[in-house]
């Protein structure tokens, strides 16, 4: 029971991480200090997709499921299991990846513009 609960909590944390990678830059518009955390999370997400780095959250969930008497996650991983084909169609994976990357870039550009404006306002006052 404890291992199944750990696996379920890991799924929630993993979903929150993926959501933060996509929208965390927009949160940094309000909470400026979080931009560094978002940059690290986005870099990890980018590396896991492009380079194929294994995610420790996927490994933890898989381990907990096996310990709880279930089966390990498929080798395709968390996103393929829980998001692709569930949240969006499998045929849209490329488009969703590009949209997520665009959201990150737009959030960072917006962050830079807001920061530049606030610095200019401080100089003028």
PDB file of N, CA and C in Angstrom:
ATOM      1  N   UNK A   1       0.818  -1.198   0.000  1.00  0.00           N
ATOM      2  CA  UNK A   1       0.000   0.000   0.000  1.00  0.00           C
ATOM      3  C   UNK A   1       0.867   1.269   0.000  1.00  0.00           C
ATOM      4  N   UNK A   2       1.920   1.244   0.811  1.00  0.00           N
ATOM      5  CA  UNK A   2       2.806   2.401   0.895  1.00  0.00           C
ATOM      6  C   UNK A   2       3.504   2.662  -0.435  1.00  0.00           C
ATOM      7  N   UNK A   3       3.937   1.602  -1.111  1.00  0.00           N
ATOM      8  CA  UNK A   3       4.625   1.764  -2.391  1.00  0.00           C
ATOM      9  C   UNK A   3       3.675   2.278  -3.466  1.00  0.00           C
ATOM     10  N   UNK A   4       2.445   1.793  -3.435  1.00  0.00           N
ATOM     11  CA  UNK A   4       1.457   2.290  -4.410  1.00  0.00           C
ATOM     12  C   UNK A   4       1.180   3.772  -4.176  1.00  0.00           C
ATOM     13  N   UNK A   5       1.101   4.175  -2.918  1.00  0.00           N
ATOM     14  CA  UNK A   5       0.894   5.594  -2.603  1.00  0.00           C
ATOM     15  C   UNK A   5       2.092   6.420  -3.066  1.00  0.00           C
ATOM     16  N   UNK A   6       3.300   5.898  -2.858  1.00  0.00           N
ATOM     17  CA  UNK A   6       4.501   6.597  -3.323  1.00  0.00           C
ATOM     18  C   UNK A   6       4.479   6.750  -4.843  1.00  0.00           C
ATOM     19  N   UNK A   7       4.068   5.703  -5.547  1.00  0.00           N
ATOM     20  CA  UNK A   7       3.976   5.772  -7.006  1.00  0.00           C
ATOM     21  C   UNK A   7       2.953   6.824  -7.423  1.00  0.00           C
ATOM     22  N   UNK A   8       1.817   6.867  -6.749  1.00  0.00           N
ATOM     23  CA  UNK A   8       0.779   7.843  -7.085  1.00  0.00           C
ATOM     24  C   UNK A   8       1.234   9.274  -6.802  1.00  0.00           C
ATOM     25  N   UNK A   9       1.906   9.482  -5.692  1.00  0.00           N
ATOM     26  CA  UNK A   9       2.440  10.817  -5.373  1.00  0.00           C
ATOM     27  C   UNK A   9       3.482  11.220  -6.406  1.00  0.00           C
ATOM     28  N   UNK A  10       4.287  10.255  -6.834  1.00  0.00           N
ATOM     29  CA  UNK A  10       5.295  10.536  -7.853  1.00  0.00           C
ATOM     30  C   UNK A  10       4.652  10.970  -9.161  1.00  0.00           C
ATOM     31  N   UNK A  11       3.521  10.363  -9.525  1.00  0.00           N
ATOM     32  CA  UNK A  11       2.799  10.769 -10.740  1.00  0.00           C
ATOM     33  C   UNK A  11       2.360  12.227 -10.617  1.00  0.00           C
ATOM     34  N   UNK A  12       1.833  12.600  -9.469  1.00  0.00           N
ATOM     35  CA  UNK A  12       1.372  13.978  -9.261  1.00  0.00           C
ATOM     36  C   UNK A  12       2.543  14.957  -9.333  1.00  0.00           C
ATOM     37  N   UNK A  13       3.650  14.604  -8.688  1.00  0.00           N
ATOM     38  CA  UNK A  13       4.839  15.463  -8.728  1.00  0.00           C
ATOM     39  C   UNK A  13       5.360  15.579 -10.159  1.00  0.00           C
ATOM     40  N   UNK A  14       5.338  14.478 -10.891  1.00  0.00           N
ATOM     41  CA  UNK A  14       5.809  14.476 -12.273  1.00  0.00           C
ATOM     42  C   UNK A  14       4.932  15.365 -13.154  1.00  0.00           C
ATOM     43  N   UNK A  15       3.619  15.254 -12.972  1.00  0.00           N
ATOM     44  CA  UNK A  15       2.703  16.125 -13.733  1.00  0.00           C
ATOM     45  C   UNK A  15       2.946  17.595 -13.400  1.00  0.00           C
ATOM     46  N   UNK A  16       3.157  17.878 -12.112  1.00  0.00           N
ATOM     47  CA  UNK A  16       3.435  19.264 -11.703  1.00  0.00           C
ATOM     48  C   UNK A  16       4.739  19.753 -12.321  1.00  0.00           C
ATOM     49  N   UNK A  17       5.748  18.890 -12.372  1.00  0.00           N
ATOM     50  CA  UNK A  17       7.028  19.260 -12.978  1.00  0.00           C
ATOM     51  C   UNK A  17       6.855  19.586 -14.458  1.00  0.00           C
ATOM     52  N   UNK A  18       6.149  18.715 -15.176  1.00  0.00           N
ATOM     53  CA  UNK A  18       5.931  18.945 -16.611  1.00  0.00           C
ATOM     54  C   UNK A  18       5.163  20.251 -16.819  1.00  0.00           C
ATOM     55  N   UNK A  19       4.140  20.491 -16.004  1.00  0.00           N
ATOM     56  CA  UNK A  19       3.374  21.738 -16.114  1.00  0.00           C
ATOM     57  C   UNK A  19       4.262  22.946 -15.812  1.00  0.00           C
ATOM     58  N   UNK A  20       5.130  22.812 -14.809  1.00  0.00           N
ATOM     59  CA  UNK A  20       6.021  23.918 -14.461  1.00  0.00           C
ATOM     60  C   UNK A  20       7.017  24.206 -15.575  1.00  0.00           C
ATOM     61  N   UNK A  21       7.491  23.170 -16.247  1.00  0.00           N
ATOM     62  CA  UNK A  21       8.405  23.381 -17.371  1.00  0.00           C
ATOM     63  C   UNK A  21       7.719  24.229 -18.440  1.00  0.00           C
ATOM     64  N   UNK A  22       6.437  23.971 -18.681  1.00  0.00           N
ATOM     65  CA  UNK A  22       5.719  24.690 -19.741  1.00  0.00           C
ATOM     66  C   UNK A  22       5.346  26.107 -19.305  1.00  0.00           C
ATOM     67  N   UNK A  23       4.860  26.300 -18.096  1.00  0.00           N
ATOM     68  CA  UNK A  23       4.325  27.612 -17.702  1.00  0.00           C
ATOM     69  C   UNK A  23       5.130  28.330 -16.625  1.00  0.00           C
ATOM     70  N   UNK A  24       6.190  27.718 -16.140  1.00  0.00           N
ATOM     71  CA  UNK A  24       6.961  28.321 -15.057  1.00  0.00           C
ATOM     72  C   UNK A  24       7.579  29.660 -15.405  1.00  0.00           C
ATOM     73  N   UNK A  25       7.924  29.855 -16.657  1.00  0.00           N
ATOM     74  CA  UNK A  25       8.478  31.144 -17.068  1.00  0.00           C
ATOM     75  C   UNK A  25       7.472  32.276 -16.911  1.00  0.00           C
ATOM     76  N   UNK A  26       6.205  31.957 -17.121  1.00  0.00           N
ATOM     77  CA  UNK A  26       5.168  32.970 -16.912  1.00  0.00           C
ATOM     78  C   UNK A  26       5.009  33.288 -15.430  1.00  0.00           C
ATOM     79  N   UNK A  27       5.182  32.293 -14.568  1.00  0.00           N
ATOM     80  CA  UNK A  27       5.143  32.548 -13.130  1.00  0.00           C
ATOM     81  C   UNK A  27       6.289  33.468 -12.708  1.00  0.00           C
ATOM     82  N   UNK A  28       7.397  33.374 -13.412  1.00  0.00           N
ATOM     83  CA  UNK A  28       8.550  34.220 -13.102  1.00  0.00           C
ATOM     84  C   UNK A  28       8.277  35.689 -13.424  1.00  0.00           C
ATOM     85  N   UNK A  29       7.282  35.966 -14.232  1.00  0.00           N
ATOM     86  CA  UNK A  29       6.923  37.368 -14.475  1.00  0.00           C
ATOM     87  C   UNK A  29       6.503  38.018 -13.160  1.00  0.00           C
ATOM     88  N   UNK A  30       5.846  37.254 -12.315  1.00  0.00           N
ATOM     89  CA  UNK A  30       5.371  37.763 -11.029  1.00  0.00           C
ATOM     90  C   UNK A  30       6.389  37.513  -9.926  1.00  0.00           C
ATOM     91  N   UNK A  31       6.977  36.320  -9.940  1.00  0.00           N
ATOM     92  CA  UNK A  31       7.937  35.916  -8.912  1.00  0.00           C
ATOM     93  C   UNK A  31       9.307  35.784  -9.569  1.00  0.00           C
ATOM     94  N   UNK A  32       9.985  36.906  -9.699  1.00  0.00           N
ATOM     95  CA  UNK A  32      11.199  37.014 -10.510  1.00  0.00           C
ATOM     96  C   UNK A  32      12.310  36.039 -10.117  1.00  0.00           C
ATOM     97  N   UNK A  33      12.447  35.760  -8.860  1.00  0.00           N
ATOM     98  CA  UNK A  33      13.532  34.880  -8.418  1.00  0.00           C
ATOM     99  C   UNK A  33      13.371  33.437  -8.905  1.00  0.00           C
ATOM    100  N   UNK A  34      12.168  33.072  -9.325  1.00  0.00           N
ATOM    101  CA  UNK A  34      11.935  31.687  -9.755  1.00  0.00           C
ATOM    102  C   UNK A  34      12.435  31.412 -11.171  1.00  0.00           C
ATOM    103  N   UNK A  35      12.933  32.417 -11.863  1.00  0.00           N
ATOM    104  CA  UNK A  35      13.386  32.208 -13.234  1.00  0.00           C
ATOM    105  C   UNK A  35      14.551  31.211 -13.269  1.00  0.00           C
ATOM    106  N   UNK A  36      15.392  31.208 -12.248  1.00  0.00           N
ATOM    107  CA  UNK A  36      16.530  30.279 -12.226  1.00  0.00           C
ATOM    108  C   UNK A  36      16.070  28.840 -12.026  1.00  0.00           C
ATOM    109  N   UNK A  37      15.076  28.653 -11.175  1.00  0.00           N
ATOM    110  CA  UNK A  37      14.506  27.320 -11.002  1.00  0.00           C
ATOM    111  C   UNK A  37      13.869  26.860 -12.311  1.00  0.00           C
ATOM    112  N   UNK A  38      13.168  27.766 -12.966  1.00  0.00           N
ATOM    113  CA  UNK A  38      12.529  27.403 -14.222  1.00  0.00           C
ATOM    114  C   UNK A  38      13.572  27.085 -15.293  1.00  0.00           C
ATOM    115  N   UNK A  39      14.637  27.844 -15.337  1.00  0.00           N
ATOM    116  CA  UNK A  39      15.691  27.574 -16.322  1.00  0.00           C
ATOM    117  C   UNK A  39      16.279  26.181 -16.110  1.00  0.00           C
ATOM    118  N   UNK A  40      16.504  25.794 -14.867  1.00  0.00           N
ATOM    119  CA  UNK A  40      17.032  24.447 -14.577  1.00  0.00           C
ATOM    120  C   UNK A  40      16.024  23.364 -14.968  1.00  0.00           C
ATOM    121  N   UNK A  41      14.766  23.571 -14.629  1.00  0.00           N
ATOM    122  CA  UNK A  41      13.732  22.584 -14.970  1.00  0.00           C
ATOM    123  C   UNK A  41      13.555  22.474 -16.478  1.00  0.00           C
ATOM    124  N   UNK A  42      13.553  23.610 -17.165  1.00  0.00           N
ATOM    125  CA  UNK A  42      13.406  23.590 -18.618  1.00  0.00           C
ATOM    126  C   UNK A  42      14.612  22.915 -19.275  1.00  0.00           C
ATOM    127  N   UNK A  43      15.802  23.170 -18.752  1.00  0.00           N
ATOM    128  CA  UNK A  43      17.002  22.521 -19.292  1.00  0.00           C
ATOM    129  C   UNK A  43      16.921  21.007 -19.098  1.00  0.00           C
ATOM    130  N   UNK A  44      16.460  20.578 -17.941  1.00  0.00           N
ATOM    131  CA  UNK A  44      16.316  19.141 -17.695  1.00  0.00           C
ATOM    132  C   UNK A  44      15.283  18.544 -18.655  1.00  0.00           C
ATOM    133  N   UNK A  45      14.143  19.211 -18.806  1.00  0.00           N
ATOM    134  CA  UNK A  45      13.113  18.723 -19.717  1.00  0.00           C
ATOM    135  C   UNK A  45      13.611  18.650 -21.150  1.00  0.00           C
ATOM    136  N   UNK A  46      14.334  19.675 -21.572  1.00  0.00           N
ATOM    137  CA  UNK A  46      14.896  19.708 -22.926  1.00  0.00           C
ATOM    138  C   UNK A  46      15.884  18.555 -23.111  1.00  0.00           C
ATOM    139  N   UNK A  47      16.764  18.374 -22.130  1.00  0.00           N
ATOM    140  CA  UNK A  47      17.766  17.313 -22.227  1.00  0.00           C
ATOM    141  C   UNK A  47      17.121  15.932 -22.228  1.00  0.00           C
ATOM    142  N   UNK A  48      16.060  15.765 -21.466  1.00  0.00           N
ATOM    143  CA  UNK A  48      15.422  14.450 -21.427  1.00  0.00           C
ATOM    144  C   UNK A  48      14.747  14.112 -22.751  1.00  0.00           C
ATOM    145  N   UNK A  49      14.263  15.133 -23.456  1.00  0.00           N
ATOM    146  CA  UNK A  49      13.624  14.891 -24.748  1.00  0.00           C
ATOM    147  C   UNK A  49      14.665  14.765 -25.858  1.00  0.00           C
ATOM    148  N   UNK A  50      15.603  15.689 -25.907  1.00  0.00           N
ATOM    149  CA  UNK A  50      16.561  15.733 -27.013  1.00  0.00           C
ATOM    150  C   UNK A  50      17.676  14.705 -26.852  1.00  0.00           C
ATOM    151  N   UNK A  51      18.254  14.631 -25.666  1.00  0.00           N
ATOM    152  CA  UNK A  51      19.397  13.760 -25.435  1.00  0.00           C
ATOM    153  C   UNK A  51      18.948  12.374 -24.971  1.00  0.00           C
ATOM    154  N   UNK A  52      17.802  12.307 -24.318  1.00  0.00           N
ATOM    155  CA  UNK A  52      17.299  11.029 -23.836  1.00  0.00           C
ATOM    156  C   UNK A  52      17.736  10.684 -22.426  1.00  0.00           C
ATOM    157  N   UNK A  53      18.010  11.706 -21.613  1.00  0.00           N
ATOM    158  CA  UNK A  53      18.380  11.475 -20.215  1.00  0.00           C
ATOM    159  C   UNK A  53      17.189  10.845 -19.499  1.00  0.00           C
ATOM    160  N   UNK A  54      17.465   9.811 -18.719  1.00  0.00           N
ATOM    161  CA  UNK A  54      16.399   9.166 -17.958  1.00  0.00           C
ATOM    162  C   UNK A  54      15.975  10.055 -16.793  1.00  0.00           C
ATOM    163  N   UNK A  55      14.666  10.140 -16.592  1.00  0.00           N
ATOM    164  CA  UNK A  55      14.130  10.973 -15.524  1.00  0.00           C
ATOM    165  C   UNK A  55      14.088  10.177 -14.220  1.00  0.00           C
ATOM    166  N   UNK A  56      14.615  10.734 -13.136  1.00  0.00           N
ATOM    167  CA  UNK A  56      14.576  10.021 -11.861  1.00  0.00           C
ATOM    168  C   UNK A  56      13.153   9.830 -11.331  1.00  0.00           C
ATOM    169  N   UNK A  57      12.237  10.714 -11.687  1.00  0.00           N
ATOM    170  CA  UNK A  57      10.851  10.534 -11.252  1.00  0.00           C
ATOM    171  C   UNK A  57      10.218   9.317 -11.921  1.00  0.00           C
ATOM    172  N   UNK A  58      10.540   9.093 -13.173  1.00  0.00           N
ATOM    173  CA  UNK A  58      10.036   7.908 -13.872  1.00  0.00           C
ATOM    174  C   UNK A  58      10.609   6.651 -13.229  1.00  0.00           C
ATOM    175  N   UNK A  59      11.897   6.677 -12.925  1.00  0.00           N
ATOM    176  CA  UNK A  59      12.528   5.522 -12.277  1.00  0.00           C
ATOM    177  C   UNK A  59      11.921   5.267 -10.899  1.00  0.00           C
ATOM    178  N   UNK A  60      11.669   6.330 -10.139  1.00  0.00           N
ATOM    179  CA  UNK A  60      11.075   6.180  -8.811  1.00  0.00           C
ATOM    180  C   UNK A  60       9.669   5.589  -8.900  1.00  0.00           C
ATOM    181  N   UNK A  61       8.872   6.108  -9.815  1.00  0.00           N
ATOM    182  CA  UNK A  61       7.518   5.574  -9.963  1.00  0.00           C
ATOM    183  C   UNK A  61       7.541   4.108 -10.379  1.00  0.00           C
ATOM    184  N   UNK A  62       8.378   3.788 -11.326  1.00  0.00           N
ATOM    185  CA  UNK A  62       8.482   2.412 -11.801  1.00  0.00           C
ATOM    186  C   UNK A  62       8.908   1.484 -10.662  1.00  0.00           C
ATOM    187  N   UNK A  63       9.906   1.884  -9.908  1.00  0.00           N
ATOM    188  CA  UNK A  63      10.384   1.097  -8.777  1.00  0.00           C
ATOM    189  C   UNK A  63       9.280   0.907  -7.746  1.00  0.00           C
ATOM    190  N   UNK A  64       8.584   1.985  -7.409  1.00  0.00           N
ATOM    191  CA  UNK A  64       7.522   1.896  -6.402  1.00  0.00           C
ATOM    192  C   UNK A  64       6.388   0.995  -6.868  1.00  0.00           C
ATOM    193  N   UNK A  65       6.058   1.059  -8.139  1.00  0.00           N
ATOM    194  CA  UNK A  65       5.000   0.176  -8.665  1.00  0.00           C
ATOM    195  C   UNK A  65       5.402  -1.295  -8.559  1.00  0.00           C
ATOM    196  N   UNK A  66       6.636  -1.606  -8.893  1.00  0.00           N
ATOM    197  CA  UNK A  66       7.113  -2.989  -8.791  1.00  0.00           C
ATOM    198  C   UNK A  66       7.120  -3.439  -7.322  1.00  0.00           C
ATOM    199  N   UNK A  67       7.615  -2.574  -6.438  1.00  0.00           N
ATOM    200  CA  UNK A  67       7.638  -2.902  -5.008  1.00  0.00           C
ATOM    201  C   UNK A  67       6.234  -3.106  -4.449  1.00  0.00           C
ATOM    202  N   UNK A  68       5.270  -2.402  -5.013  1.00  0.00           N
ATOM    203  CA  UNK A  68       3.879  -2.523  -4.576  1.00  0.00           C
ATOM    204  C   UNK A  68       3.138  -3.678  -5.225  1.00  0.00           C
ATOM    205  N   UNK A  69       3.833  -4.485  -6.010  1.00  0.00           N
ATOM    206  CA  UNK A  69       3.216  -5.642  -6.635  1.00  0.00           C
ATOM    207  C   UNK A  69       2.679  -5.397  -8.030  1.00  0.00           C
ATOM    208  N   UNK A  70       2.914  -4.216  -8.576  1.00  0.00           N
ATOM    209  CA  UNK A  70       2.448  -3.884  -9.922  1.00  0.00           C
ATOM    210  C   UNK A  70       3.526  -4.130 -10.962  1.00  0.00           C
ATOM    211  N   UNK A  71       3.304  -3.583 -12.121  1.00  0.00           N
ATOM    212  CA  UNK A  71       4.280  -3.720 -13.197  1.00  0.00           C
ATOM    213  C   UNK A  71       5.036  -2.410 -13.375  1.00  0.00           C
ATOM    214  N   UNK A  72       6.240  -2.528 -13.866  1.00  0.00           N
ATOM    215  CA  UNK A  72       7.068  -1.348 -14.116  1.00  0.00           C
ATOM    216  C   UNK A  72       6.467  -0.531 -15.254  1.00  0.00           C
ATOM    217  N   UNK A  73       6.829   0.741 -15.296  1.00  0.00           N
ATOM    218  CA  UNK A  73       6.399   1.591 -16.403  1.00  0.00           C
ATOM    219  C   UNK A  73       7.004   1.066 -17.700  1.00  0.00           C
ATOM    220  N   UNK A  74       6.306   1.246 -18.811  1.00  0.00           N
ATOM    221  CA  UNK A  74       6.910   0.844 -20.087  1.00  0.00           C
ATOM    222  C   UNK A  74       8.153   1.679 -20.373  1.00  0.00           C
ATOM    223  N   UNK A  75       9.022   1.162 -21.185  1.00  0.00           N
ATOM    224  CA  UNK A  75      10.287   1.840 -21.476  1.00  0.00           C
ATOM    225  C   UNK A  75      10.080   3.186 -22.173  1.00  0.00           C
ATOM    226  N   UNK A  76       8.892   3.413 -22.725  1.00  0.00           N
ATOM    227  CA  UNK A  76       8.634   4.686 -23.395  1.00  0.00           C
ATOM    228  C   UNK A  76       8.526   5.836 -22.411  1.00  0.00           C
ATOM    229  N   UNK A  77       8.197   5.564 -21.157  1.00  0.00           N
ATOM    230  CA  UNK A  77       8.242   6.579 -20.127  1.00  0.00           C
ATOM    231  C   UNK A  77       6.925   7.235 -19.776  1.00  0.00           C
ATOM    232  N   UNK A  78       7.052   8.216 -18.903  1.00  0.00           N
ATOM    233  CA  UNK A  78       5.926   8.896 -18.280  1.00  0.00           C
ATOM    234  C   UNK A  78       5.035   9.624 -19.278  1.00  0.00           C
ATOM    235  N   UNK A  79       5.623  10.441 -20.130  1.00  0.00           N
ATOM    236  CA  UNK A  79       4.825  11.263 -21.046  1.00  0.00           C
ATOM    237  C   UNK A  79       4.039  10.381 -22.005  1.00  0.00           C
ATOM    238  N   UNK A  80       4.683   9.360 -22.539  1.00  0.00           N
ATOM    239  CA  UNK A  80       3.979   8.463 -23.454  1.00  0.00           C
ATOM    240  C   UNK A  80       2.847   7.712 -22.765  1.00  0.00           C
ATOM    241  N   UNK A  81       3.034   7.378 -21.500  1.00  0.00           N
ATOM    242  CA  UNK A  81       2.016   6.614 -20.780  1.00  0.00           C
ATOM    243  C   UNK A  81       0.836   7.476 -20.348  1.00  0.00           C
ATOM    244  N   UNK A  82       1.118   8.637 -19.760  1.00  0.00           N
ATOM    245  CA  UNK A  82       0.062   9.428 -19.130  1.00  0.00           C
ATOM    246  C   UNK A  82      -0.467  10.587 -19.973  1.00  0.00           C
ATOM    247  N   UNK A  83       0.307  11.079 -20.931  1.00  0.00           N
ATOM    248  CA  UNK A  83      -0.120  12.272 -21.665  1.00  0.00           C
ATOM    249  C   UNK A  83      -0.442  11.988 -23.126  1.00  0.00           C
ATOM    250  N   UNK A  84       0.500  11.353 -23.844  1.00  0.00           N
ATOM    251  CA  UNK A  84       0.295  11.095 -25.263  1.00  0.00           C
ATOM    252  C   UNK A  84      -0.831  10.083 -25.441  1.00  0.00           C
ATOM    253  N   UNK A  85      -1.810  10.464 -26.211  1.00  0.00           N
ATOM    254  CA  UNK A  85      -2.961   9.600 -26.436  1.00  0.00           C
ATOM    255  C   UNK A  85      -4.049   9.769 -25.392  1.00  0.00           C
ATOM    256  N   UNK A  86      -3.745  10.494 -24.306  1.00  0.00           N
ATOM    257  CA  UNK A  86      -4.725  10.747 -23.252  1.00  0.00           C
ATOM    258  C   UNK A  86      -5.126  12.223 -23.266  1.00  0.00           C
ATOM    259  N   UNK A  87      -4.149  13.096 -23.154  1.00  0.00           N
ATOM    260  CA  UNK A  87      -4.385  14.545 -23.156  1.00  0.00           C
ATOM    261  C   UNK A  87      -4.444  15.078 -24.585  1.00  0.00           C
ATOM    262  N   UNK A  88      -3.644  14.536 -25.449  1.00  0.00           N
ATOM    263  CA  UNK A  88      -3.590  14.934 -26.859  1.00  0.00           C
ATOM    264  C   UNK A  88      -3.372  13.668 -27.696  1.00  0.00           C
ATOM    265  N   UNK A  89      -3.796  13.699 -28.953  1.00  0.00           N
ATOM    266  CA  UNK A  89      -3.621  12.503 -29.784  1.00  0.00           C
ATOM    267  C   UNK A  89      -2.148  12.213 -30.063  1.00  0.00           C
ATOM    268  N   UNK A  90      -1.852  10.956 -30.257  1.00  0.00           N
ATOM    269  CA  UNK A  90      -0.477  10.540 -30.516  1.00  0.00           C
ATOM    270  C   UNK A  90       0.111  11.239 -31.736  1.00  0.00           C
ATOM    271  N   UNK A  91      -0.737  11.491 -32.723  1.00  0.00           N
ATOM    272  CA  UNK A  91      -0.263  12.142 -33.941  1.00  0.00           C
ATOM    273  C   UNK A  91       0.141  13.601 -33.711  1.00  0.00           C
ATOM    274  N   UNK A  92      -0.241  14.176 -32.570  1.00  0.00           N
ATOM    275  CA  UNK A  92       0.055  15.576 -32.286  1.00  0.00           C
ATOM    276  C   UNK A  92       1.282  15.760 -31.404  1.00  0.00           C
ATOM    277  N   UNK A  93       2.015  14.699 -31.121  1.00  0.00           N
ATOM    278  CA  UNK A  93       3.151  14.792 -30.207  1.00  0.00           C
ATOM    279  C   UNK A  93       4.163  15.846 -30.658  1.00  0.00           C
ATOM    280  N   UNK A  94       4.506  15.868 -31.922  1.00  0.00           N
ATOM    281  CA  UNK A  94       5.458  16.861 -32.420  1.00  0.00           C
ATOM    282  C   UNK A  94       4.955  18.281 -32.236  1.00  0.00           C
ATOM    283  N   UNK A  95       3.683  18.498 -32.557  1.00  0.00           N
ATOM    284  CA  UNK A  95       3.101  19.835 -32.412  1.00  0.00           C
ATOM    285  C   UNK A  95       3.045  20.259 -30.945  1.00  0.00           C
ATOM    286  N   UNK A  96       2.705  19.337 -30.070  1.00  0.00           N
ATOM    287  CA  UNK A  96       2.632  19.649 -28.639  1.00  0.00           C
ATOM    288  C   UNK A  96       4.025  19.987 -28.108  1.00  0.00           C
ATOM    289  N   UNK A  97       5.030  19.253 -28.549  1.00  0.00           N
ATOM    290  CA  UNK A  97       6.401  19.536 -28.128  1.00  0.00           C
ATOM    291  C   UNK A  97       6.832  20.922 -28.590  1.00  0.00           C
ATOM    292  N   UNK A  98       6.524  21.261 -29.830  1.00  0.00           N
ATOM    293  CA  UNK A  98       6.874  22.587 -30.356  1.00  0.00           C
ATOM    294  C   UNK A  98       6.109  23.679 -29.606  1.00  0.00           C
ATOM    295  N   UNK A  99       4.828  23.458 -29.334  1.00  0.00           N
ATOM    296  CA  UNK A  99       4.041  24.451 -28.591  1.00  0.00           C
ATOM    297  C   UNK A  99       4.586  24.651 -27.176  1.00  0.00           C
ATOM    298  N   UNK A 100       4.974  23.570 -26.528  1.00  0.00           N
ATOM    299  CA  UNK A 100       5.549  23.688 -25.187  1.00  0.00           C
ATOM    300  C   UNK A 100       6.852  24.479 -25.234  1.00  0.00           C
ATOM    301  N   UNK A 101       7.696  24.184 -26.221  1.00  0.00           N
ATOM    302  CA  UNK A 101       8.955  24.926 -26.374  1.00  0.00           C
ATOM    303  C   UNK A 101       8.686  26.398 -26.665  1.00  0.00           C
ATOM    304  N   UNK A 102       7.688  26.673 -27.495  1.00  0.00           N
ATOM    305  CA  UNK A 102       7.323  28.065 -27.798  1.00  0.00           C
ATOM    306  C   UNK A 102       6.829  28.783 -26.548  1.00  0.00           C
ATOM    307  N   UNK A 103       6.062  28.093 -25.718  1.00  0.00           N
ATOM    308  CA  UNK A 103       5.581  28.697 -24.470  1.00  0.00           C
ATOM    309  C   UNK A 103       6.756  29.084 -23.577  1.00  0.00           C
ATOM    310  N   UNK A 104       7.756  28.224 -23.503  1.00  0.00           N
ATOM    311  CA  UNK A 104       8.940  28.527 -22.697  1.00  0.00           C
ATOM    312  C   UNK A 104       9.674  29.738 -23.268  1.00  0.00           C
ATOM    313  N   UNK A 105       9.884  29.757 -24.570  1.00  0.00           N
ATOM    314  CA  UNK A 105      10.596  30.877 -25.197  1.00  0.00           C
ATOM    315  C   UNK A 105       9.823  32.182 -25.016  1.00  0.00           C
ATOM    316  N   UNK A 106       8.521  32.157 -25.248  1.00  0.00           N
ATOM    317  CA  UNK A 106       7.697  33.369 -25.081  1.00  0.00           C
ATOM    318  C   UNK A 106       7.755  33.854 -23.635  1.00  0.00           C
ATOM    319  N   UNK A 107       7.699  32.927 -22.696  1.00  0.00           N
ATOM    320  CA  UNK A 107       7.744  33.337 -21.289  1.00  0.00           C
ATOM    321  C   UNK A 107       9.083  33.978 -20.945  1.00  0.00           C
ATOM    322  N   UNK A 108      10.166  33.451 -21.490  1.00  0.00           N
ATOM    323  CA  UNK A 108      11.478  34.033 -21.217  1.00  0.00           C
ATOM    324  C   UNK A 108      11.647  35.392 -21.887  1.00  0.00           C
ATOM    325  N   UNK A 109      11.159  35.533 -23.109  1.00  0.00           N
ATOM    326  CA  UNK A 109      11.217  36.832 -23.784  1.00  0.00           C
ATOM    327  C   UNK A 109      10.392  37.853 -23.000  1.00  0.00           C
ATOM    328  N   UNK A 110       9.201  37.448 -22.590  1.00  0.00           N
ATOM    329  CA  UNK A 110       8.366  38.337 -21.777  1.00  0.00           C
ATOM    330  C   UNK A 110       9.042  38.700 -20.472  1.00  0.00           C
ATOM    331  N   UNK A 111       9.687  37.747 -19.848  1.00  0.00           N
ATOM    332  CA  UNK A 111      10.414  38.016 -18.601  1.00  0.00           C
ATOM    333  C   UNK A 111      11.512  39.046 -18.838  1.00  0.00           C
ATOM    334  N   UNK A 112      12.271  38.864 -19.920  1.00  0.00           N
ATOM    335  CA  UNK A 112      13.355  39.800 -20.231  1.00  0.00           C
ATOM    336  C   UNK A 112      12.816  41.197 -20.509  1.00  0.00           C
ATOM    337  N   UNK A 113      11.712  41.281 -21.237  1.00  0.00           N
ATOM    338  CA  UNK A 113      11.116  42.598 -21.521  1.00  0.00           C
ATOM    339  C   UNK A 113      10.618  43.275 -20.242  1.00  0.00           C
ATOM    340  N   UNK A 114       9.955  42.522 -19.397  1.00  0.00           N
ATOM    341  CA  UNK A 114       9.466  43.090 -18.129  1.00  0.00           C
ATOM    342  C   UNK A 114      10.623  43.547 -17.252  1.00  0.00           C
ATOM    343  N   UNK A 115      11.667  42.760 -17.210  1.00  0.00           N
ATOM    344  CA  UNK A 115      12.822  43.122 -16.398  1.00  0.00           C
ATOM    345  C   UNK A 115      13.501  44.374 -16.950  1.00  0.00           C
ATOM    346  N   UNK A 116      13.601  44.454 -18.278  1.00  0.00           N
ATOM    347  CA  UNK A 116      14.202  45.626 -18.909  1.00  0.00           C
ATOM    348  C   UNK A 116      13.389  46.884 -18.615  1.00  0.00           C
ATOM    349  N   UNK A 117      12.076  46.756 -18.706  1.00  0.00           N
ATOM    350  CA  UNK A 117      11.202  47.913 -18.418  1.00  0.00           C
ATOM    351  C   UNK A 117      11.318  48.352 -16.968  1.00  0.00           C
ATOM    352  N   UNK A 118      11.375  47.396 -16.062  1.00  0.00           N
ATOM    353  CA  UNK A 118      11.462  47.776 -14.649  1.00  0.00           C
ATOM    354  C   UNK A 118      12.799  48.442 -14.344  1.00  0.00           C
ATOM    355  N   UNK A 119      13.856  47.989 -15.003  1.00  0.00           N
ATOM    356  CA  UNK A 119      15.158  48.636 -14.809  1.00  0.00           C
ATOM    357  C   UNK A 119      15.155  50.054 -15.373  1.00  0.00           C
ATOM    358  N   UNK A 120      14.505  50.231 -16.534  1.00  0.00           N
ATOM    359  CA  UNK A 120      14.414  51.577 -17.112  1.00  0.00           C
ATOM    360  C   UNK A 120      13.604  52.500 -16.207  1.00  0.00           C
ATOM    361  N   UNK A 121      12.532  51.990 -15.654  1.00  0.00           N
ATOM    362  CA  UNK A 121      11.709  52.801 -14.752  1.00  0.00           C
ATOM    363  C   UNK A 121      12.489  53.213 -13.518  1.00  0.00           C
ATOM    364  N   UNK A 122      13.339  52.339 -13.012  1.00  0.00           N
ATOM    365  CA  UNK A 122      14.156  52.676 -11.847  1.00  0.00           C
ATOM    366  C   UNK A 122      15.181  53.742 -12.189  1.00  0.00           C
ATOM    367  N   UNK A 123      15.748  53.684 -13.402  1.00  0.00           N
ATOM    368  CA  UNK A 123      16.723  54.698 -13.827  1.00  0.00           C
ATOM    369  C   UNK A 123      16.080  56.060 -14.003  1.00  0.00           C
ATOM    370  N   UNK A 124      14.851  56.074 -14.491  1.00  0.00           N
ATOM    371  CA  UNK A 124      14.170  57.335 -14.752  1.00  0.00           C
ATOM    372  C   UNK A 124      13.663  58.006 -13.485  1.00  0.00           C
ATOM    373  N   UNK A 125      13.453  57.231 -12.458  1.00  0.00           N
ATOM    374  CA  UNK A 125      12.905  57.853 -11.240  1.00  0.00           C
ATOM    375  C   UNK A 125      13.955  58.396 -10.314  1.00  0.00           C
TER     376      UNK A 125
END
